[in-house]
Amino acid sequence: MWQPIETAPKDGISILVACQTIMVVAFWLRDEDDPSDEPYWALDDGHDYLALRSERPTHWMSLPEPPAK
């Protein structure tokens, strides 16, 4: 069930987020090396973290369990 983004966990766990035009797996990122940098929702593209700044999430839900082996 979708929940408001304000209730999403901000501990670095990956969740499914819904923005106005996309749904992606994202996580709350806080740069420990630069405490002046504002934390933000991000996704991992395999090379770097991409900020979801223009596509602001509005809702979230937990990821499902992975398939059994």
N, C-alpha and C. Protein backbone atom coordinates (compact mmCIF):
# COMPACT_ATOMS: atom_id res chain seq x y z
N MET A 1 0.85 -1.18 0.00
CA MET A 1 0.00 0.00 0.00
C MET A 1 0.90 1.24 0.00
N TRP A 2 0.57 2.20 -0.86
CA TRP A 2 1.33 3.44 -0.94
C TRP A 2 1.08 4.29 0.30
N GLN A 3 2.15 4.93 0.77
CA GLN A 3 2.08 5.80 1.93
C GLN A 3 2.68 7.16 1.58
N PRO A 4 2.30 8.22 2.28
CA PRO A 4 2.86 9.54 2.01
C PRO A 4 4.38 9.52 2.23
N ILE A 5 5.10 10.25 1.38
CA ILE A 5 6.57 10.24 1.45
C ILE A 5 7.07 10.77 2.80
N GLU A 6 6.29 11.58 3.47
CA GLU A 6 6.70 12.11 4.78
C GLU A 6 6.89 11.01 5.82
N THR A 7 6.28 9.85 5.58
CA THR A 7 6.39 8.75 6.54
C THR A 7 7.47 7.74 6.15
N ALA A 8 8.17 7.98 5.06
CA ALA A 8 9.18 7.04 4.56
C ALA A 8 10.39 6.95 5.49
N PRO A 9 11.01 5.77 5.56
CA PRO A 9 12.22 5.61 6.38
C PRO A 9 13.37 6.41 5.79
N LYS A 10 14.14 7.03 6.65
CA LYS A 10 15.28 7.83 6.20
C LYS A 10 16.56 7.29 6.81
N ASP A 11 16.67 5.95 6.80
CA ASP A 11 17.85 5.30 7.37
C ASP A 11 18.74 4.67 6.31
N GLY A 12 18.50 5.00 5.03
CA GLY A 12 19.33 4.48 3.95
C GLY A 12 18.80 3.21 3.31
N ILE A 13 17.69 2.68 3.82
CA ILE A 13 17.10 1.46 3.24
C ILE A 13 16.46 1.80 1.89
N SER A 14 16.55 0.89 0.94
CA SER A 14 15.94 1.09 -0.37
C SER A 14 14.44 0.83 -0.30
N ILE A 15 13.68 1.71 -0.93
CA ILE A 15 12.22 1.61 -0.99
C ILE A 15 11.77 1.96 -2.40
N LEU A 16 10.54 1.65 -2.72
CA LEU A 16 9.96 2.06 -3.99
C LEU A 16 9.30 3.42 -3.77
N VAL A 17 9.66 4.40 -4.61
CA VAL A 17 9.06 5.72 -4.49
C VAL A 17 8.32 6.06 -5.77
N ALA A 18 7.23 6.78 -5.63
CA ALA A 18 6.45 7.25 -6.76
C ALA A 18 6.61 8.76 -6.87
N CYS A 19 6.99 9.18 -8.06
CA CYS A 19 7.05 10.61 -8.38
C CYS A 19 5.90 10.90 -9.34
N GLN A 20 5.85 12.08 -9.86
CA GLN A 20 4.73 12.41 -10.74
C GLN A 20 4.74 11.60 -12.03
N THR A 21 5.93 11.30 -12.57
CA THR A 21 5.98 10.61 -13.86
C THR A 21 6.70 9.27 -13.83
N ILE A 22 7.32 8.91 -12.70
CA ILE A 22 8.09 7.66 -12.64
C ILE A 22 7.94 6.98 -11.29
N MET A 23 8.28 5.70 -11.25
CA MET A 23 8.44 4.95 -10.01
C MET A 23 9.84 4.35 -10.04
N VAL A 24 10.60 4.51 -8.96
CA VAL A 24 11.97 3.99 -8.91
C VAL A 24 12.29 3.48 -7.51
N VAL A 25 13.30 2.64 -7.44
CA VAL A 25 13.84 2.22 -6.15
C VAL A 25 14.83 3.30 -5.73
N ALA A 26 14.62 3.84 -4.55
CA ALA A 26 15.45 4.95 -4.08
C ALA A 26 15.73 4.80 -2.59
N PHE A 27 16.57 5.69 -2.07
CA PHE A 27 16.90 5.70 -0.65
C PHE A 27 17.25 7.13 -0.25
N TRP A 28 17.16 7.42 1.05
CA TRP A 28 17.47 8.73 1.60
C TRP A 28 18.98 8.80 1.77
N LEU A 29 19.60 9.80 1.15
CA LEU A 29 21.06 9.92 1.17
C LEU A 29 21.48 11.17 1.93
N ARG A 30 22.32 10.94 2.91
CA ARG A 30 22.91 12.03 3.68
C ARG A 30 24.42 11.90 3.51
N ASP A 31 25.06 12.92 2.97
CA ASP A 31 26.50 12.90 2.73
C ASP A 31 27.24 13.17 4.04
N GLU A 32 27.80 12.11 4.62
CA GLU A 32 28.51 12.24 5.90
C GLU A 32 29.78 13.08 5.76
N ASP A 33 30.36 13.13 4.53
CA ASP A 33 31.58 13.91 4.31
C ASP A 33 31.31 15.40 4.18
N ASP A 34 30.08 15.76 3.90
CA ASP A 34 29.72 17.16 3.74
C ASP A 34 28.42 17.43 4.49
N PRO A 35 28.51 17.66 5.81
CA PRO A 35 27.29 17.85 6.60
C PRO A 35 26.48 19.08 6.20
N SER A 36 27.08 20.01 5.44
CA SER A 36 26.33 21.19 5.00
C SER A 36 25.42 20.86 3.82
N ASP A 37 25.70 19.72 3.15
CA ASP A 37 24.87 19.31 2.02
C ASP A 37 23.54 18.78 2.54
N GLU A 38 22.46 19.24 1.96
CA GLU A 38 21.13 18.79 2.37
C GLU A 38 20.93 17.33 1.95
N PRO A 39 20.36 16.49 2.81
CA PRO A 39 20.04 15.12 2.41
C PRO A 39 18.95 15.12 1.33
N TYR A 40 18.91 14.03 0.56
CA TYR A 40 17.94 13.98 -0.54
C TYR A 40 17.64 12.53 -0.91
N TRP A 41 16.56 12.34 -1.66
CA TRP A 41 16.22 11.03 -2.20
C TRP A 41 17.11 10.78 -3.39
N ALA A 42 17.67 9.57 -3.48
CA ALA A 42 18.60 9.24 -4.56
C ALA A 42 18.37 7.82 -5.05
N LEU A 43 18.90 7.55 -6.23
CA LEU A 43 18.92 6.19 -6.73
C LEU A 43 20.35 5.87 -7.15
N ASP A 44 20.68 4.59 -7.18
CA ASP A 44 22.01 4.11 -7.52
C ASP A 44 21.96 3.58 -8.94
N ASP A 45 22.70 4.21 -9.86
CA ASP A 45 22.69 3.75 -11.25
C ASP A 45 23.80 2.75 -11.54
N GLY A 46 24.49 2.29 -10.50
CA GLY A 46 25.57 1.34 -10.67
C GLY A 46 26.93 1.99 -10.75
N HIS A 47 26.96 3.29 -11.00
CA HIS A 47 28.22 4.03 -11.07
C HIS A 47 28.27 5.17 -10.07
N ASP A 48 27.12 5.72 -9.77
CA ASP A 48 27.06 6.89 -8.91
C ASP A 48 25.64 7.00 -8.35
N TYR A 49 25.45 7.91 -7.43
CA TYR A 49 24.12 8.19 -6.90
C TYR A 49 23.52 9.35 -7.68
N LEU A 50 22.28 9.19 -8.10
CA LEU A 50 21.57 10.24 -8.81
C LEU A 50 20.49 10.81 -7.92
N ALA A 51 20.49 12.13 -7.78
CA ALA A 51 19.51 12.79 -6.93
C ALA A 51 18.15 12.87 -7.61
N LEU A 52 17.11 12.65 -6.85
CA LEU A 52 15.74 12.85 -7.34
C LEU A 52 15.31 14.25 -6.91
N ARG A 53 15.88 15.25 -7.54
CA ARG A 53 15.57 16.63 -7.15
C ARG A 53 14.44 17.21 -7.99
N SER A 54 14.43 16.97 -9.30
CA SER A 54 13.35 17.51 -10.12
C SER A 54 12.12 16.61 -10.05
N GLU A 55 12.33 15.31 -9.86
CA GLU A 55 11.24 14.34 -9.71
C GLU A 55 11.09 14.05 -8.22
N ARG A 56 10.44 14.89 -7.51
CA ARG A 56 10.30 14.70 -6.06
C ARG A 56 9.28 13.61 -5.75
N PRO A 57 9.71 12.61 -4.94
CA PRO A 57 8.77 11.55 -4.57
C PRO A 57 7.60 12.09 -3.76
N THR A 58 6.43 11.51 -4.01
CA THR A 58 5.23 11.91 -3.27
C THR A 58 4.73 10.77 -2.38
N HIS A 59 5.06 9.51 -2.77
CA HIS A 59 4.59 8.34 -2.03
C HIS A 59 5.68 7.27 -2.03
N TRP A 60 5.52 6.30 -1.13
CA TRP A 60 6.51 5.22 -1.04
C TRP A 60 5.84 3.94 -0.59
N MET A 61 6.53 2.82 -0.83
CA MET A 61 6.12 1.53 -0.28
C MET A 61 7.37 0.67 -0.13
N SER A 62 7.29 -0.31 0.75
CA SER A 62 8.41 -1.23 0.95
C SER A 62 8.58 -2.08 -0.29
N LEU A 63 9.81 -2.52 -0.50
CA LEU A 63 10.08 -3.44 -1.60
C LEU A 63 9.56 -4.82 -1.24
N PRO A 64 9.11 -5.59 -2.21
CA PRO A 64 8.67 -6.95 -1.91
C PRO A 64 9.87 -7.84 -1.60
N GLU A 65 9.61 -8.98 -1.02
CA GLU A 65 10.65 -9.97 -0.78
C GLU A 65 11.15 -10.48 -2.13
N PRO A 66 12.46 -10.75 -2.26
CA PRO A 66 12.95 -11.32 -3.51
C PRO A 66 12.41 -12.74 -3.72
N PRO A 67 12.41 -13.22 -4.95
CA PRO A 67 11.92 -14.57 -5.21
C PRO A 67 12.77 -15.61 -4.49
N ALA A 68 12.14 -16.71 -4.13
CA ALA A 68 12.87 -17.81 -3.50
C ALA A 68 13.77 -18.47 -4.53
N LYS A 69 14.88 -18.99 -4.08
CA LYS A 69 15.81 -19.65 -5.01
C LYS A 69 15.32 -20.99 -5.43
